């Protein structure tokens, strides 16, 4: 579930960044380079729910 959510947030953030102007400011390749330069920490579950 966590990788799916992280993937959806990546797509959403790309969409939101491209809405800032009338022309597309980022394509997918540039966004991938951006993510490599400014990477976020991996998603981890610290507590078990069961």
C-alpha atoms as a PDB file:
ATOM      1  CA  UNK A   1       0.000   0.000   0.000  1.00  0.00           C
ATOM      2  CA  UNK A   2       2.824   2.431   0.810  1.00  0.00           C
ATOM      3  CA  UNK A   3       4.583   2.180  -2.594  1.00  0.00           C
ATOM      4  CA  UNK A   4       1.247   2.742  -4.329  1.00  0.00           C
ATOM      5  CA  UNK A   5       0.584   5.839  -2.222  1.00  0.00           C
ATOM      6  CA  UNK A   6       4.094   7.163  -2.866  1.00  0.00           C
ATOM      7  CA  UNK A   7       3.616   6.669  -6.612  1.00  0.00           C
ATOM      8  CA  UNK A   8       0.268   8.484  -6.532  1.00  0.00           C
ATOM      9  CA  UNK A   9       1.809  11.387  -4.602  1.00  0.00           C
ATOM     10  CA  UNK A  10       4.610  11.615  -7.163  1.00  0.00           C
ATOM     11  CA  UNK A  11       2.127  11.870 -10.020  1.00  0.00           C
ATOM     12  CA  UNK A  12       0.027  14.387  -8.085  1.00  0.00           C
ATOM     13  CA  UNK A  13       3.012  16.587  -7.311  1.00  0.00           C
ATOM     14  CA  UNK A  14       4.020  16.557 -10.998  1.00  0.00           C
ATOM     15  CA  UNK A  15       0.527  17.656 -11.944  1.00  0.00           C
ATOM     16  CA  UNK A  16       0.461  20.406  -9.353  1.00  0.00           C
ATOM     17  CA  UNK A  17       3.869  21.744 -10.381  1.00  0.00           C
ATOM     18  CA  UNK A  18       2.753  21.906 -14.006  1.00  0.00           C
ATOM     19  CA  UNK A  19      -0.376  23.894 -13.122  1.00  0.00           C
ATOM     20  CA  UNK A  20       1.677  26.895 -12.039  1.00  0.00           C
ATOM     21  CA  UNK A  21       1.929  28.301 -15.562  1.00  0.00           C
ATOM     22  CA  UNK A  22       0.112  28.067 -18.887  1.00  0.00           C
ATOM     23  CA  UNK A  23       2.904  26.074 -20.499  1.00  0.00           C
ATOM     24  CA  UNK A  24       4.263  22.901 -18.997  1.00  0.00           C
ATOM     25  CA  UNK A  25       7.276  23.691 -16.889  1.00  0.00           C
ATOM     26  CA  UNK A  26       8.294  20.091 -16.179  1.00  0.00           C
ATOM     27  CA  UNK A  27       8.099  16.972 -18.251  1.00  0.00           C
ATOM     28  CA  UNK A  28       8.437  13.533 -16.690  1.00  0.00           C
ATOM     29  CA  UNK A  29      12.170  13.230 -17.427  1.00  0.00           C
ATOM     30  CA  UNK A  30      12.981  16.574 -15.812  1.00  0.00           C
ATOM     31  CA  UNK A  31      10.834  15.681 -12.831  1.00  0.00           C
ATOM     32  CA  UNK A  32      12.719  12.393 -12.385  1.00  0.00           C
ATOM     33  CA  UNK A  33      16.013  14.328 -12.386  1.00  0.00           C
ATOM     34  CA  UNK A  34      14.519  16.687  -9.801  1.00  0.00           C
ATOM     35  CA  UNK A  35      13.550  13.739  -7.593  1.00  0.00           C
ATOM     36  CA  UNK A  36      17.070  12.298  -7.803  1.00  0.00           C
ATOM     37  CA  UNK A  37      18.598  15.635  -6.803  1.00  0.00           C
ATOM     38  CA  UNK A  38      16.142  16.316  -3.955  1.00  0.00           C
ATOM     39  CA  UNK A  39      15.145  12.848  -2.855  1.00  0.00           C
ATOM     40  CA  UNK A  40      12.716  12.242  -0.040  1.00  0.00           C
ATOM     41  CA  UNK A  41      13.207   9.595   2.619  1.00  0.00           C
ATOM     42  CA  UNK A  42      11.759   6.152   2.018  1.00  0.00           C
ATOM     43  CA  UNK A  43       8.342   5.464   3.509  1.00  0.00           C
ATOM     44  CA  UNK A  44       8.522   3.169   6.528  1.00  0.00           C
ATOM     45  CA  UNK A  45       5.933   1.797   8.914  1.00  0.00           C
ATOM     46  CA  UNK A  46       7.231   2.135  12.450  1.00  0.00           C
ATOM     47  CA  UNK A  47       4.378   0.508  14.381  1.00  0.00           C
ATOM     48  CA  UNK A  48       2.452  -2.615  13.612  1.00  0.00           C
ATOM     49  CA  UNK A  49      -1.300  -2.178  13.686  1.00  0.00           C
ATOM     50  CA  UNK A  50      -1.928  -5.811  14.615  1.00  0.00           C
END
